[in-house]
Amino acid sequence: MQHLMRSVCVTLVLMTIPACGGNPDPQTILDKALAAHGGREVLSQFPAITIHFQGIQSTHGLDSPLTGTTVALGSDKSKTTIQLDVVGRKTTVTNVVVGDKGWIRDDKITRDMTPDELAEAKEQAHAAWVSRLFPLQDPQYTLTPLESITVDDKPAWGVQVSRAGYRPIKLYFDQQTGLLAKVETRVRDENSPHEVNEETILSQYTDVQNTRQPMRLLVKRNGQMVMDVVIKEVKLAAAVDEKTFAKP
């Protein structure tokens, strides 16, 4: 009987169904997630991504429509341009990060990022890179289990991602589909020197170039919605013209 029970446990683990006495180990969860998102081999062919989006930004209870584009390559090159309409006043802001350099262009004025702004921008670029999952096969990342939670009324397995020099990132995966359901990390609040808890809920997955990509992102800070965007288009690529990341 004991031999039979051990065999049952092994079988359940291999099926990535909760193992006897607990959740699957983090690598098993990640393997299922990679398969759900298109497979490690397919995903790793596209270190570059371009996203066009539109939605709402909420600041101090004021909702402002926005449109934008993000282009990223790896963990340390990104460019985001957002057009924001705040009570009829339209403004365009571009953030660019390339390694240890970063710039902000607000309408027609470009300036270097402050050390704090650059550090925060690098953290966010790294979190976006981690969220693509295939980089986590690199041994520089350590995966540890988290308690299961519910995301959009669905049970989700949790994995914490750690890498020297960066804040930990919590990833939660839908237990049924294996798709990434939520990313949770600490971020610096632009309106204060303090860090706050940020959650990004990913949903409305669709097929893109033989991968599965989320088409809606809901961002909350300390439980309050700060951004709700619909992704209009996603393009994956092996490379991006380096001029994309030039000083704006």
Foldseek 3Di string as FASTA:
>chain_A
DVVVLVVVQVVCLVVQHQGVPGHHWPVSLLQLLCVLFQHLVQLVLFQKKKFWKWWWFADPRFTWTKTKMKIDGALFWIKIWMWIQGPNDTWIWMWTTHHQWIWIDTHHDIDTDDPQRNLQVSQVSNLVNVLSSSVCVPPQKDKGWDDWDAAPNAIWTWIWIDGPPYWIKIWTAGSPSSHTAKIWTWGQDPVDRDIWIKMWGFDDWDDDSSGTHGQWIFMDTPRHTGITMGTPDMDTHNDDPPVVRPRD
